[in-house]
Amino acid sequence: MKIIKKIALLLCLLSPLSQAETTLFGLTLGKSTRQEVEQTYTLQDKNTASGLPDSWNYYRVSGEQFNEPLLKHATLYFDNTQTLGRINFTFPSSLEKYKALEEQLSRQYPRIKMAPFVSEPLRLDKTEFQNDTTHIRLEYNVYNILLSFTDLKYRSIEKKPIAELKALEANKPKKEP
């Protein structure tokens, strides 16, 4: 009976860790609203193009506001309820910074098994991580390092229009020659 109680207690303690929210610089993915973010950061370069899905609308925040050395800027994406869905951090291109970020993320998040990396002329390396709530993509190219944190609920909504478009294209009748 003591063993069962210990296992139950252990599961209760570990359960919140597996469902932990991702909070970066006081911003919580899937929770923070645009109004809350505006109380802490100055949002610049608003992009809310009409006709695009809400998940493609974003605001940019200068790197100085985060007090993070070398951070150029962060791009914050909000869904149609104005809840934070994704944060992209952009750093200058540096192999040392990329390796340091990759090592740090490897200690905090499980790495996603990916197909072998196919090099593109400008992209030098990339890796992805994911836990129960967040997808992380770290990309190193000749121009910069992009570190992206995306709430999984936001990510599924973001991919929906693309999947629908692909389905429509696949179902189009093919013209005969």
C-alpha atoms as a PDB file:
ATOM      1  CA  MET A   1       0.000   0.000   0.000  1.00  0.00           C
ATOM      2  CA  LYS A   2       2.902   2.387   0.777  1.00  0.00           C
ATOM      3  CA  ILE A   3       4.341   1.786  -2.675  1.00  0.00           C
ATOM      4  CA  ILE A   4       1.037   2.711  -4.326  1.00  0.00           C
ATOM      5  CA  LYS A   5       0.858   5.917  -2.265  1.00  0.00           C
ATOM      6  CA  LYS A   6       4.438   6.818  -3.237  1.00  0.00           C
ATOM      7  CA  ILE A   7       3.723   6.203  -6.917  1.00  0.00           C
ATOM      8  CA  ALA A   8       0.526   8.267  -6.733  1.00  0.00           C
ATOM      9  CA  LEU A   9       2.391  11.097  -4.990  1.00  0.00           C
ATOM     10  CA  LEU A  10       5.191  10.953  -7.561  1.00  0.00           C
ATOM     11  CA  LEU A  11       2.685  11.104 -10.432  1.00  0.00           C
ATOM     12  CA  CYS A  12       0.977  14.092  -8.826  1.00  0.00           C
ATOM     13  CA  LEU A  13       4.299  15.887  -8.508  1.00  0.00           C
ATOM     14  CA  LEU A  14       5.524  15.096 -12.020  1.00  0.00           C
ATOM     15  CA  SER A  15       2.241  15.765 -13.775  1.00  0.00           C
ATOM     16  CA  PRO A  16       2.498  19.588 -13.638  1.00  0.00           C
ATOM     17  CA  LEU A  17       6.065  19.384 -14.957  1.00  0.00           C
ATOM     18  CA  SER A  18       5.014  17.524 -18.069  1.00  0.00           C
ATOM     19  CA  GLN A  19       2.259  20.077 -18.735  1.00  0.00           C
ATOM     20  CA  ALA A  20       4.419  23.060 -17.778  1.00  0.00           C
ATOM     21  CA  GLU A  21       3.716  26.296 -19.570  1.00  0.00           C
ATOM     22  CA  THR A  22       6.515  27.974 -21.455  1.00  0.00           C
ATOM     23  CA  THR A  23       7.295  31.413 -20.045  1.00  0.00           C
ATOM     24  CA  LEU A  24       9.988  33.568 -21.657  1.00  0.00           C
ATOM     25  CA  PHE A  25      10.839  37.050 -20.367  1.00  0.00           C
ATOM     26  CA  GLY A  26       7.541  37.162 -18.494  1.00  0.00           C
ATOM     27  CA  LEU A  27       5.530  36.118 -21.563  1.00  0.00           C
ATOM     28  CA  THR A  28       3.585  32.851 -21.331  1.00  0.00           C
ATOM     29  CA  LEU A  29       2.737  31.070 -24.577  1.00  0.00           C
ATOM     30  CA  GLY A  30      -0.957  30.317 -24.854  1.00  0.00           C
ATOM     31  CA  LYS A  31      -1.782  32.574 -21.871  1.00  0.00           C
ATOM     32  CA  SER A  32      -0.379  36.095 -22.209  1.00  0.00           C
ATOM     33  CA  THR A  33      -2.647  38.528 -24.026  1.00  0.00           C
ATOM     34  CA  ARG A  34      -1.611  41.362 -26.297  1.00  0.00           C
ATOM     35  CA  GLN A  35      -2.819  43.871 -23.680  1.00  0.00           C
ATOM     36  CA  GLU A  36      -0.633  42.240 -20.998  1.00  0.00           C
ATOM     37  CA  VAL A  37       2.362  42.263 -23.326  1.00  0.00           C
ATOM     38  CA  GLU A  38       1.836  45.954 -24.130  1.00  0.00           C
ATOM     39  CA  GLN A  39       2.101  46.756 -20.407  1.00  0.00           C
ATOM     40  CA  THR A  40       5.663  45.437 -20.375  1.00  0.00           C
ATOM     41  CA  TYR A  41       6.985  45.896 -23.915  1.00  0.00           C
ATOM     42  CA  THR A  42       6.639  48.482 -26.677  1.00  0.00           C
ATOM     43  CA  LEU A  43       5.204  46.715 -29.720  1.00  0.00           C
ATOM     44  CA  GLN A  44       6.587  47.970 -33.031  1.00  0.00           C
ATOM     45  CA  ASP A  45       6.247  47.155 -36.716  1.00  0.00           C
ATOM     46  CA  LYS A  46       2.705  45.854 -36.507  1.00  0.00           C
ATOM     47  CA  ASN A  47       1.825  43.536 -39.398  1.00  0.00           C
ATOM     48  CA  THR A  48      -1.865  42.783 -39.655  1.00  0.00           C
ATOM     49  CA  ALA A  49      -2.399  42.344 -43.371  1.00  0.00           C
ATOM     50  CA  SER A  50      -6.037  41.934 -44.316  1.00  0.00           C
ATOM     51  CA  GLY A  51      -7.095  38.658 -45.823  1.00  0.00           C
ATOM     52  CA  LEU A  52      -4.427  36.648 -44.035  1.00  0.00           C
ATOM     53  CA  PRO A  53      -5.146  34.190 -41.220  1.00  0.00           C
ATOM     54  CA  ASP A  54      -4.843  35.798 -37.778  1.00  0.00           C
ATOM     55  CA  SER A  55      -1.882  33.538 -37.005  1.00  0.00           C
ATOM     56  CA  TRP A  56       0.170  35.487 -39.569  1.00  0.00           C
ATOM     57  CA  ASN A  57      -0.308  38.820 -37.790  1.00  0.00           C
ATOM     58  CA  TYR A  58       2.578  39.876 -35.601  1.00  0.00           C
ATOM     59  CA  TYR A  59       4.333  42.628 -33.694  1.00  0.00           C
ATOM     60  CA  ARG A  60       8.059  43.205 -33.370  1.00  0.00           C
ATOM     61  CA  VAL A  61       9.857  44.123 -30.129  1.00  0.00           C
ATOM     62  CA  SER A  62      13.401  45.517 -30.145  1.00  0.00           C
ATOM     63  CA  GLY A  63      16.106  43.369 -28.544  1.00  0.00           C
ATOM     64  CA  GLU A  64      17.111  46.092 -26.049  1.00  0.00           C
ATOM     65  CA  GLN A  65      13.764  45.670 -24.273  1.00  0.00           C
ATOM     66  CA  PHE A  66      14.728  42.104 -23.259  1.00  0.00           C
ATOM     67  CA  ASN A  67      18.154  42.980 -21.800  1.00  0.00           C
ATOM     68  CA  GLU A  68      19.594  40.013 -23.665  1.00  0.00           C
ATOM     69  CA  PRO A  69      23.053  40.529 -25.218  1.00  0.00           C
ATOM     70  CA  LEU A  70      23.113  40.127 -28.986  1.00  0.00           C
ATOM     71  CA  LEU A  71      19.316  39.819 -29.373  1.00  0.00           C
ATOM     72  CA  LYS A  72      18.334  41.811 -32.473  1.00  0.00           C
ATOM     73  CA  HIS A  73      14.588  41.603 -31.955  1.00  0.00           C
ATOM     74  CA  ALA A  74      11.675  39.367 -31.048  1.00  0.00           C
ATOM     75  CA  THR A  75       8.575  38.854 -33.149  1.00  0.00           C
ATOM     76  CA  LEU A  76       5.366  38.099 -31.226  1.00  0.00           C
ATOM     77  CA  TYR A  77       2.462  36.325 -32.932  1.00  0.00           C
ATOM     78  CA  PHE A  78      -1.056  36.471 -31.503  1.00  0.00           C
ATOM     79  CA  ASP A  79      -4.130  34.436 -32.441  1.00  0.00           C
ATOM     80  CA  ASN A  80      -7.600  35.831 -33.152  1.00  0.00           C
ATOM     81  CA  THR A  81      -8.310  36.072 -29.395  1.00  0.00           C
ATOM     82  CA  GLN A  82      -5.129  38.184 -29.004  1.00  0.00           C
ATOM     83  CA  THR A  83      -3.386  35.408 -27.035  1.00  0.00           C
ATOM     84  CA  LEU A  84       0.347  34.930 -27.548  1.00  0.00           C
ATOM     85  CA  GLY A  85       0.962  31.890 -29.763  1.00  0.00           C
ATOM     86  CA  ARG A  86       4.561  32.186 -30.911  1.00  0.00           C
ATOM     87  CA  ILE A  87       7.747  34.118 -30.171  1.00  0.00           C
ATOM     88  CA  ASN A  88      10.619  34.303 -32.650  1.00  0.00           C
ATOM     89  CA  PHE A  89      13.947  35.548 -31.301  1.00  0.00           C
ATOM     90  CA  THR A  90      16.503  36.742 -33.865  1.00  0.00           C
ATOM     91  CA  PHE A  91      20.242  36.842 -33.069  1.00  0.00           C
ATOM     92  CA  PRO A  92      23.201  37.726 -35.314  1.00  0.00           C
ATOM     93  CA  SER A  93      24.709  34.763 -37.126  1.00  0.00           C
ATOM     94  CA  SER A  94      27.259  33.103 -34.829  1.00  0.00           C
ATOM     95  CA  LEU A  95      28.200  29.438 -34.650  1.00  0.00           C
ATOM     96  CA  GLU A  96      29.214  29.825 -30.979  1.00  0.00           C
ATOM     97  CA  LYS A  97      25.824  31.318 -30.019  1.00  0.00           C
ATOM     98  CA  TYR A  98      23.995  28.643 -32.019  1.00  0.00           C
ATOM     99  CA  LYS A  99      25.901  25.820 -30.277  1.00  0.00           C
ATOM    100  CA  ALA A 100      25.298  27.403 -26.834  1.00  0.00           C
ATOM    101  CA  LEU A 101      21.557  27.719 -27.508  1.00  0.00           C
ATOM    102  CA  GLU A 102      21.386  24.172 -28.870  1.00  0.00           C
ATOM    103  CA  GLU A 103      23.137  22.801 -25.782  1.00  0.00           C
ATOM    104  CA  GLN A 104      20.864  24.722 -23.421  1.00  0.00           C
ATOM    105  CA  LEU A 105      17.697  23.617 -25.242  1.00  0.00           C
ATOM    106  CA  SER A 106      18.913  19.996 -25.300  1.00  0.00           C
ATOM    107  CA  ARG A 107      19.014  20.035 -21.509  1.00  0.00           C
ATOM    108  CA  GLN A 108      15.485  21.469 -21.198  1.00  0.00           C
ATOM    109  CA  TYR A 109      13.452  19.900 -24.028  1.00  0.00           C
ATOM    110  CA  PRO A 110      13.263  16.556 -25.827  1.00  0.00           C
ATOM    111  CA  ARG A 111      14.716  16.703 -29.342  1.00  0.00           C
ATOM    112  CA  ILE A 112      12.409  15.723 -32.192  1.00  0.00           C
ATOM    113  CA  LYS A 113      13.674  12.931 -34.399  1.00  0.00           C
ATOM    114  CA  MET A 114      14.008  14.497 -37.797  1.00  0.00           C
ATOM    115  CA  ALA A 115      14.797  13.308 -41.263  1.00  0.00           C
ATOM    116  CA  PRO A 116      18.420  13.876 -42.250  1.00  0.00           C
ATOM    117  CA  PHE A 117      19.076  17.568 -42.742  1.00  0.00           C
ATOM    118  CA  VAL A 118      19.099  18.627 -46.374  1.00  0.00           C
ATOM    119  CA  SER A 119      21.270  21.688 -46.706  1.00  0.00           C
ATOM    120  CA  GLU A 120      19.930  24.788 -48.381  1.00  0.00           C
ATOM    121  CA  PRO A 121      22.418  27.347 -49.672  1.00  0.00           C
ATOM    122  CA  LEU A 122      21.679  29.901 -46.926  1.00  0.00           C
ATOM    123  CA  ARG A 123      20.645  27.612 -44.044  1.00  0.00           C
ATOM    124  CA  LEU A 124      23.603  26.045 -42.301  1.00  0.00           C
ATOM    125  CA  ASP A 125      21.881  23.995 -39.587  1.00  0.00           C
ATOM    126  CA  LYS A 126      18.602  23.534 -37.736  1.00  0.00           C
ATOM    127  CA  THR A 127      17.184  21.462 -34.932  1.00  0.00           C
ATOM    128  CA  GLU A 128      13.767  21.079 -33.339  1.00  0.00           C
ATOM    129  CA  PHE A 129      12.545  20.243 -29.856  1.00  0.00           C
ATOM    130  CA  GLN A 130       9.104  19.640 -28.384  1.00  0.00           C
ATOM    131  CA  ASN A 131       7.449  18.968 -25.050  1.00  0.00           C
ATOM    132  CA  ASP A 132       3.738  18.591 -24.225  1.00  0.00           C
ATOM    133  CA  THR A 133       2.950  22.278 -24.764  1.00  0.00           C
ATOM    134  CA  THR A 134       5.662  23.857 -26.928  1.00  0.00           C
ATOM    135  CA  HIS A 135       7.471  23.329 -30.228  1.00  0.00           C
ATOM    136  CA  ILE A 136      10.951  24.896 -30.440  1.00  0.00           C
ATOM    137  CA  ARG A 137      12.891  25.442 -33.642  1.00  0.00           C
ATOM    138  CA  LEU A 138      16.483  26.632 -33.686  1.00  0.00           C
ATOM    139  CA  GLU A 139      17.846  27.617 -37.087  1.00  0.00           C
ATOM    140  CA  TYR A 140      21.306  28.867 -38.010  1.00  0.00           C
ATOM    141  CA  ASN A 141      21.893  30.540 -41.376  1.00  0.00           C
ATOM    142  CA  VAL A 142      24.331  32.979 -42.954  1.00  0.00           C
ATOM    143  CA  TYR A 143      22.213  35.982 -41.892  1.00  0.00           C
ATOM    144  CA  ASN A 144      21.081  35.158 -38.344  1.00  0.00           C
ATOM    145  CA  ILE A 145      20.002  32.645 -35.744  1.00  0.00           C
ATOM    146  CA  LEU A 146      16.251  32.180 -35.398  1.00  0.00           C
ATOM    147  CA  LEU A 147      14.914  30.692 -32.157  1.00  0.00           C
ATOM    148  CA  SER A 148      11.178  30.046 -32.306  1.00  0.00           C
ATOM    149  CA  PHE A 149       8.891  28.958 -29.450  1.00  0.00           C
ATOM    150  CA  THR A 150       5.357  27.997 -30.566  1.00  0.00           C
ATOM    151  CA  ASP A 151       2.397  26.925 -28.429  1.00  0.00           C
ATOM    152  CA  LEU A 152       1.192  23.566 -29.806  1.00  0.00           C
ATOM    153  CA  LYS A 153      -2.462  24.689 -29.910  1.00  0.00           C
ATOM    154  CA  TYR A 154      -1.448  27.763 -31.905  1.00  0.00           C
ATOM    155  CA  ARG A 155       0.716  25.618 -34.159  1.00  0.00           C
ATOM    156  CA  SER A 156      -2.181  23.310 -35.050  1.00  0.00           C
ATOM    157  CA  ILE A 157      -4.421  26.295 -35.859  1.00  0.00           C
ATOM    158  CA  GLU A 158      -1.619  27.910 -37.855  1.00  0.00           C
ATOM    159  CA  LYS A 159      -1.144  24.811 -40.018  1.00  0.00           C
ATOM    160  CA  LYS A 160      -4.870  24.299 -40.667  1.00  0.00           C
ATOM    161  CA  PRO A 161      -5.214  26.783 -43.606  1.00  0.00           C
ATOM    162  CA  ILE A 162      -2.134  25.274 -45.269  1.00  0.00           C
ATOM    163  CA  ALA A 163      -3.527  21.737 -44.915  1.00  0.00           C
ATOM    164  CA  GLU A 164      -6.900  22.875 -46.293  1.00  0.00           C
ATOM    165  CA  LEU A 165      -5.223  24.517 -49.287  1.00  0.00           C
ATOM    166  CA  LYS A 166      -3.212  21.366 -50.003  1.00  0.00           C
ATOM    167  CA  ALA A 167      -6.391  19.273 -49.787  1.00  0.00           C
ATOM    168  CA  LEU A 168      -8.162  21.579 -52.264  1.00  0.00           C
ATOM    169  CA  GLU A 169      -5.216  21.391 -54.661  1.00  0.00           C
ATOM    170  CA  ALA A 170      -5.136  17.587 -54.406  1.00  0.00           C
ATOM    171  CA  ASN A 171      -8.859  17.327 -55.154  1.00  0.00           C
ATOM    172  CA  LYS A 172      -8.814  19.603 -58.214  1.00  0.00           C
ATOM    173  CA  PRO A 173      -9.611  17.780 -61.407  1.00  0.00           C
ATOM    174  CA  LYS A 174      -6.528  17.386 -63.539  1.00  0.00           C
ATOM    175  CA  LYS A 175      -6.572  18.830 -67.020  1.00  0.00           C
ATOM    176  CA  GLU A 176      -5.922  16.376 -69.760  1.00  0.00           C
ATOM    177  CA  PRO A 177      -3.439  17.328 -72.493  1.00  0.00           C
END
